[in-house]
Amino acid sequence: MKIDVKGHFIPLMAYYRALVLMDPENAQTPTSVLEERDLDSVLVDVEAFRPVEIFNKNLAAECSRK
């Protein structure tokens, strides 16, 4: 199921971190999730993501702004 996040994401708004929800069983990564939802991964440091919590089978990861 693809969720429309564009209405909830304001790229011009200042932020210091982003939380990315992904499904490791489907080989999702922070980069693949951002690309799949047409969000700009240039501003988010997905290489230094930190796992935060597991919800059911989904992993929440914290990413910093570049």
PDB file of N, CA and C in Angstrom:
ATOM      1  N   MET A   1       0.839  -1.178   0.000  1.00  0.00           N
ATOM      2  CA  MET A   1       0.000   0.000   0.000  1.00  0.00           C
ATOM      3  C   MET A   1       0.885   1.243   0.000  1.00  0.00           C
ATOM      4  N   LYS A   2       0.659   2.114  -0.949  1.00  0.00           N
ATOM      5  CA  LYS A   2       1.438   3.340  -1.041  1.00  0.00           C
ATOM      6  C   LYS A   2       0.653   4.479  -0.399  1.00  0.00           C
ATOM      7  N   ILE A   3       1.280   5.156   0.535  1.00  0.00           N
ATOM      8  CA  ILE A   3       0.648   6.260   1.246  1.00  0.00           C
ATOM      9  C   ILE A   3       1.138   7.569   0.641  1.00  0.00           C
ATOM     10  N   ASP A   4       0.220   8.484   0.390  1.00  0.00           N
ATOM     11  CA  ASP A   4       0.582   9.788  -0.157  1.00  0.00           C
ATOM     12  C   ASP A   4       1.099  10.660   0.976  1.00  0.00           C
ATOM     13  N   VAL A   5       2.424  10.845   1.029  1.00  0.00           N
ATOM     14  CA  VAL A   5       3.021  11.639   2.097  1.00  0.00           C
ATOM     15  C   VAL A   5       3.290  13.069   1.671  1.00  0.00           C
ATOM     16  N   LYS A   6       3.105  13.366   0.416  1.00  0.00           N
ATOM     17  CA  LYS A   6       3.424  14.716  -0.055  1.00  0.00           C
ATOM     18  C   LYS A   6       2.629  15.782   0.681  1.00  0.00           C
ATOM     19  N   GLY A   7       1.408  15.488   1.061  1.00  0.00           N
ATOM     20  CA  GLY A   7       0.610  16.443   1.817  1.00  0.00           C
ATOM     21  C   GLY A   7       1.091  16.619   3.240  1.00  0.00           C
ATOM     22  N   HIS A   8       1.910  15.696   3.729  1.00  0.00           N
ATOM     23  CA  HIS A   8       2.409  15.761   5.102  1.00  0.00           C
ATOM     24  C   HIS A   8       3.867  16.176   5.169  1.00  0.00           C
ATOM     25  N   PHE A   9       4.508  16.313   4.049  1.00  0.00           N
ATOM     26  CA  PHE A   9       5.930  16.631   4.001  1.00  0.00           C
ATOM     27  C   PHE A   9       6.101  17.975   3.317  1.00  0.00           C
ATOM     28  N   ILE A  10       6.680  18.926   4.024  1.00  0.00           N
ATOM     29  CA  ILE A  10       6.904  20.257   3.468  1.00  0.00           C
ATOM     30  C   ILE A  10       8.412  20.439   3.310  1.00  0.00           C
ATOM     31  N   PRO A  11       8.941  20.292   2.089  1.00  0.00           N
ATOM     32  CA  PRO A  11      10.393  20.305   1.898  1.00  0.00           C
ATOM     33  C   PRO A  11      11.070  21.618   2.277  1.00  0.00           C
ATOM     34  N   LEU A  12      10.338  22.720   2.281  1.00  0.00           N
ATOM     35  CA  LEU A  12      10.950  23.998   2.633  1.00  0.00           C
ATOM     36  C   LEU A  12      10.949  24.252   4.134  1.00  0.00           C
ATOM     37  N   MET A  13      10.245  23.420   4.884  1.00  0.00           N
ATOM     38  CA  MET A  13      10.183  23.580   6.327  1.00  0.00           C
ATOM     39  C   MET A  13      11.489  23.090   6.951  1.00  0.00           C
ATOM     40  N   ALA A  14      12.000  23.836   7.920  1.00  0.00           N
ATOM     41  CA  ALA A  14      13.246  23.437   8.583  1.00  0.00           C
ATOM     42  C   ALA A  14      13.017  22.179   9.426  1.00  0.00           C
ATOM     43  N   TYR A  15      13.960  21.269   9.354  1.00  0.00           N
ATOM     44  CA  TYR A  15      13.913  20.075  10.193  1.00  0.00           C
ATOM     45  C   TYR A  15      15.341  19.602  10.434  1.00  0.00           C
ATOM     46  N   TYR A  16      15.517  18.855  11.507  1.00  0.00           N
ATOM     47  CA  TYR A  16      16.839  18.347  11.867  1.00  0.00           C
ATOM     48  C   TYR A  16      16.938  16.844  11.687  1.00  0.00           C
ATOM     49  N   ARG A  17      15.792  16.185  11.697  1.00  0.00           N
ATOM     50  CA  ARG A  17      15.787  14.738  11.524  1.00  0.00           C
ATOM     51  C   ARG A  17      14.500  14.315  10.848  1.00  0.00           C
ATOM     52  N   ALA A  18      14.540  13.150  10.254  1.00  0.00           N
ATOM     53  CA  ALA A  18      13.373  12.564   9.618  1.00  0.00           C
ATOM     54  C   ALA A  18      13.254  11.123  10.083  1.00  0.00           C
ATOM     55  N   LEU A  19      12.051  10.661  10.290  1.00  0.00           N
ATOM     56  CA  LEU A  19      11.811   9.265  10.615  1.00  0.00           C
ATOM     57  C   LEU A  19      11.295   8.576   9.363  1.00  0.00           C
ATOM     58  N   VAL A  20      11.929   7.480   9.023  1.00  0.00           N
ATOM     59  CA  VAL A  20      11.568   6.718   7.825  1.00  0.00           C
ATOM     60  C   VAL A  20      11.088   5.346   8.274  1.00  0.00           C
ATOM     61  N   LEU A  21       9.885   4.970   7.841  1.00  0.00           N
ATOM     62  CA  LEU A  21       9.355   3.640   8.136  1.00  0.00           C
ATOM     63  C   LEU A  21       9.606   2.746   6.940  1.00  0.00           C
ATOM     64  N   MET A  22      10.173   1.577   7.200  1.00  0.00           N
ATOM     65  CA  MET A  22      10.475   0.661   6.104  1.00  0.00           C
ATOM     66  C   MET A  22      10.179  -0.773   6.504  1.00  0.00           C
ATOM     67  N   ASP A  23      10.022  -1.616   5.508  1.00  0.00           N
ATOM     68  CA  ASP A  23       9.746  -3.037   5.699  1.00  0.00           C
ATOM     69  C   ASP A  23      10.976  -3.828   5.262  1.00  0.00           C
ATOM     70  N   PRO A  24      11.819  -4.244   6.208  1.00  0.00           N
ATOM     71  CA  PRO A  24      13.031  -4.992   5.845  1.00  0.00           C
ATOM     72  C   PRO A  24      12.738  -6.307   5.120  1.00  0.00           C
ATOM     73  N   GLU A  25      11.594  -6.919   5.385  1.00  0.00           N
ATOM     74  CA  GLU A  25      11.240  -8.172   4.702  1.00  0.00           C
ATOM     75  C   GLU A  25      11.064  -7.956   3.200  1.00  0.00           C
ATOM     76  N   ASN A  26      10.731  -6.735   2.796  1.00  0.00           N
ATOM     77  CA  ASN A  26      10.589  -6.398   1.377  1.00  0.00           C
ATOM     78  C   ASN A  26      11.811  -5.654   0.865  1.00  0.00           C
ATOM     79  N   ALA A  27      12.924  -5.790   1.569  1.00  0.00           N
ATOM     80  CA  ALA A  27      14.220  -5.198   1.182  1.00  0.00           C
ATOM     81  C   ALA A  27      14.161  -3.676   1.055  1.00  0.00           C
ATOM     82  N   GLN A  28      13.291  -3.033   1.835  1.00  0.00           N
ATOM     83  CA  GLN A  28      13.244  -1.570   1.814  1.00  0.00           C
ATOM     84  C   GLN A  28      14.393  -0.998   2.639  1.00  0.00           C
ATOM     85  N   THR A  29      14.942   0.105   2.139  1.00  0.00           N
ATOM     86  CA  THR A  29      15.987   0.865   2.833  1.00  0.00           C
ATOM     87  C   THR A  29      15.491   2.302   2.941  1.00  0.00           C
ATOM     88  N   PRO A  30      16.132   3.131   3.766  1.00  0.00           N
ATOM     89  CA  PRO A  30      15.710   4.538   3.817  1.00  0.00           C
ATOM     90  C   PRO A  30      15.738   5.190   2.434  1.00  0.00           C
ATOM     91  N   THR A  31      16.773   4.910   1.649  1.00  0.00           N
ATOM     92  CA  THR A  31      16.875   5.492   0.311  1.00  0.00           C
ATOM     93  C   THR A  31      15.740   5.013  -0.590  1.00  0.00           C
ATOM     94  N   SER A  32      15.460   3.727  -0.578  1.00  0.00           N
ATOM     95  CA  SER A  32      14.406   3.205  -1.455  1.00  0.00           C
ATOM     96  C   SER A  32      13.035   3.753  -1.070  1.00  0.00           C
ATOM     97  N   VAL A  33      12.793   3.932   0.222  1.00  0.00           N
ATOM     98  CA  VAL A  33      11.510   4.479   0.668  1.00  0.00           C
ATOM     99  C   VAL A  33      11.354   5.928   0.199  1.00  0.00           C
ATOM    100  N   LEU A  34      12.400   6.737   0.363  1.00  0.00           N
ATOM    101  CA  LEU A  34      12.331   8.138  -0.076  1.00  0.00           C
ATOM    102  C   LEU A  34      12.139   8.229  -1.582  1.00  0.00           C
ATOM    103  N   GLU A  35      12.869   7.416  -2.335  1.00  0.00           N
ATOM    104  CA  GLU A  35      12.743   7.440  -3.795  1.00  0.00           C
ATOM    105  C   GLU A  35      11.362   6.960  -4.240  1.00  0.00           C
ATOM    106  N   GLU A  36      10.844   5.936  -3.584  1.00  0.00           N
ATOM    107  CA  GLU A  36       9.540   5.391  -3.934  1.00  0.00           C
ATOM    108  C   GLU A  36       8.432   6.427  -3.746  1.00  0.00           C
ATOM    109  N   ARG A  37       8.615   7.315  -2.798  1.00  0.00           N
ATOM    110  CA  ARG A  37       7.607   8.331  -2.508  1.00  0.00           C
ATOM    111  C   ARG A  37       7.954   9.693  -3.101  1.00  0.00           C
ATOM    112  N   ASP A  38       8.920   9.710  -4.018  1.00  0.00           N
ATOM    113  CA  ASP A  38       9.326  10.925  -4.725  1.00  0.00           C
ATOM    114  C   ASP A  38       9.763  12.039  -3.783  1.00  0.00           C
ATOM    115  N   LEU A  39      10.430  11.676  -2.691  1.00  0.00           N
ATOM    116  CA  LEU A  39      10.962  12.674  -1.767  1.00  0.00           C
ATOM    117  C   LEU A  39      12.452  12.828  -2.024  1.00  0.00           C
ATOM    118  N   ASP A  40      12.978  13.974  -1.750  1.00  0.00           N
ATOM    119  CA  ASP A  40      14.365  14.305  -2.081  1.00  0.00           C
ATOM    120  C   ASP A  40      15.322  13.710  -1.051  1.00  0.00           C
ATOM    121  N   SER A  41      16.040  12.663  -1.427  1.00  0.00           N
ATOM    122  CA  SER A  41      16.996  12.036  -0.515  1.00  0.00           C
ATOM    123  C   SER A  41      18.311  12.807  -0.449  1.00  0.00           C
ATOM    124  N   VAL A  42      18.438  13.886  -1.236  1.00  0.00           N
ATOM    125  CA  VAL A  42      19.653  14.703  -1.201  1.00  0.00           C
ATOM    126  C   VAL A  42      19.769  15.441   0.130  1.00  0.00           C
ATOM    127  N   LEU A  43      18.655  15.771   0.744  1.00  0.00           N
ATOM    128  CA  LEU A  43      18.669  16.533   1.992  1.00  0.00           C
ATOM    129  C   LEU A  43      18.750  15.660   3.237  1.00  0.00           C
ATOM    130  N   VAL A  44      18.533  14.372   3.088  1.00  0.00           N
ATOM    131  CA  VAL A  44      18.492  13.469   4.234  1.00  0.00           C
ATOM    132  C   VAL A  44      19.715  12.559   4.208  1.00  0.00           C
ATOM    133  N   ASP A  45      20.408  12.472   5.344  1.00  0.00           N
ATOM    134  CA  ASP A  45      21.604  11.632   5.445  1.00  0.00           C
ATOM    135  C   ASP A  45      21.174  10.196   5.730  1.00  0.00           C
ATOM    136  N   VAL A  46      20.810   9.481   4.680  1.00  0.00           N
ATOM    137  CA  VAL A  46      20.315   8.115   4.841  1.00  0.00           C
ATOM    138  C   VAL A  46      21.438   7.127   5.138  1.00  0.00           C
ATOM    139  N   GLU A  47      22.667   7.512   4.873  1.00  0.00           N
ATOM    140  CA  GLU A  47      23.802   6.619   5.143  1.00  0.00           C
ATOM    141  C   GLU A  47      24.053   6.468   6.641  1.00  0.00           C
ATOM    142  N   ALA A  48      23.676   7.463   7.419  1.00  0.00           N
ATOM    143  CA  ALA A  48      23.916   7.440   8.863  1.00  0.00           C
ATOM    144  C   ALA A  48      22.610   7.229   9.624  1.00  0.00           C
ATOM    145  N   PHE A  49      21.707   6.423   9.050  1.00  0.00           N
ATOM    146  CA  PHE A  49      20.437   6.225   9.735  1.00  0.00           C
ATOM    147  C   PHE A  49      20.630   5.369  10.982  1.00  0.00           C
ATOM    148  N   ARG A  50      19.751   5.616  11.943  1.00  0.00           N
ATOM    149  CA  ARG A  50      19.811   4.899  13.214  1.00  0.00           C
ATOM    150  C   ARG A  50      18.466   4.216  13.447  1.00  0.00           C
ATOM    151  N   PRO A  51      18.460   2.886  13.563  1.00  0.00           N
ATOM    152  CA  PRO A  51      17.200   2.201  13.863  1.00  0.00           C
ATOM    153  C   PRO A  51      16.652   2.675  15.204  1.00  0.00           C
ATOM    154  N   VAL A  52      15.359   2.930  15.256  1.00  0.00           N
ATOM    155  CA  VAL A  52      14.742   3.462  16.467  1.00  0.00           C
ATOM    156  C   VAL A  52      13.818   2.445  17.113  1.00  0.00           C
ATOM    157  N   GLU A  53      12.932   1.873  16.334  1.00  0.00           N
ATOM    158  CA  GLU A  53      11.900   1.000  16.888  1.00  0.00           C
ATOM    159  C   GLU A  53      11.389   0.072  15.806  1.00  0.00           C
ATOM    160  N   ILE A  54      10.867  -1.070  16.228  1.00  0.00           N
ATOM    161  CA  ILE A  54      10.215  -1.987  15.294  1.00  0.00           C
ATOM    162  C   ILE A  54       8.738  -2.022  15.646  1.00  0.00           C
ATOM    163  N   PHE A  55       7.892  -1.729  14.648  1.00  0.00           N
ATOM    164  CA  PHE A  55       6.444  -1.779  14.790  1.00  0.00           C
ATOM    165  C   PHE A  55       5.945  -2.913  13.916  1.00  0.00           C
ATOM    166  N   ASN A  56       5.430  -3.961  14.545  1.00  0.00           N
ATOM    167  CA  ASN A  56       5.046  -5.171  13.819  1.00  0.00           C
ATOM    168  C   ASN A  56       6.256  -5.625  13.010  1.00  0.00           C
ATOM    169  N   LYS A  57       6.210  -5.558  11.714  1.00  0.00           N
ATOM    170  CA  LYS A  57       7.360  -5.949  10.896  1.00  0.00           C
ATOM    171  C   LYS A  57       8.077  -4.739  10.302  1.00  0.00           C
ATOM    172  N   ASN A  58       7.614  -3.540  10.615  1.00  0.00           N
ATOM    173  CA  ASN A  58       8.206  -2.322  10.062  1.00  0.00           C
ATOM    174  C   ASN A  58       9.253  -1.746  10.995  1.00  0.00           C
ATOM    175  N   LEU A  59      10.317  -1.232  10.410  1.00  0.00           N
ATOM    176  CA  LEU A  59      11.401  -0.632  11.157  1.00  0.00           C
ATOM    177  C   LEU A  59      11.345   0.878  11.001  1.00  0.00           C
ATOM    178  N   ALA A  60      11.398   1.591  12.105  1.00  0.00           N
ATOM    179  CA  ALA A  60      11.480   3.050  12.060  1.00  0.00           C
ATOM    180  C   ALA A  60      12.945   3.424  12.223  1.00  0.00           C
ATOM    181  N   ALA A  61      13.438   4.257  11.313  1.00  0.00           N
ATOM    182  CA  ALA A  61      14.834   4.687  11.362  1.00  0.00           C
ATOM    183  C   ALA A  61      14.891   6.210  11.394  1.00  0.00           C
ATOM    184  N   GLU A  62      15.790   6.721  12.196  1.00  0.00           N
ATOM    185  CA  GLU A  62      15.988   8.162  12.290  1.00  0.00           C
ATOM    186  C   GLU A  62      17.138   8.562  11.364  1.00  0.00           C
ATOM    187  N   CYS A  63      16.899   9.556  10.544  1.00  0.00           N
ATOM    188  CA  CYS A  63      17.911  10.080   9.619  1.00  0.00           C
ATOM    189  C   CYS A  63      18.084  11.563   9.901  1.00  0.00           C
ATOM    190  N   SER A  64      19.310  12.039   9.851  1.00  0.00           N
ATOM    191  CA  SER A  64      19.576  13.448  10.071  1.00  0.00           C
ATOM    192  C   SER A  64      19.504  14.209   8.752  1.00  0.00           C
ATOM    193  N   ARG A  65      19.311  15.503   8.859  1.00  0.00           N
ATOM    194  CA  ARG A  65      19.369  16.355   7.684  1.00  0.00           C
ATOM    195  C   ARG A  65      20.839  16.587   7.346  1.00  0.00           C
ATOM    196  N   LYS A  66      21.163  16.641   6.063  1.00  0.00           N
ATOM    197  CA  LYS A  66      22.547  16.892   5.643  1.00  0.00           C
ATOM    198  C   LYS A  66      22.893  18.347   5.844  1.00  0.00           C
TER     199      LYS A  66
END
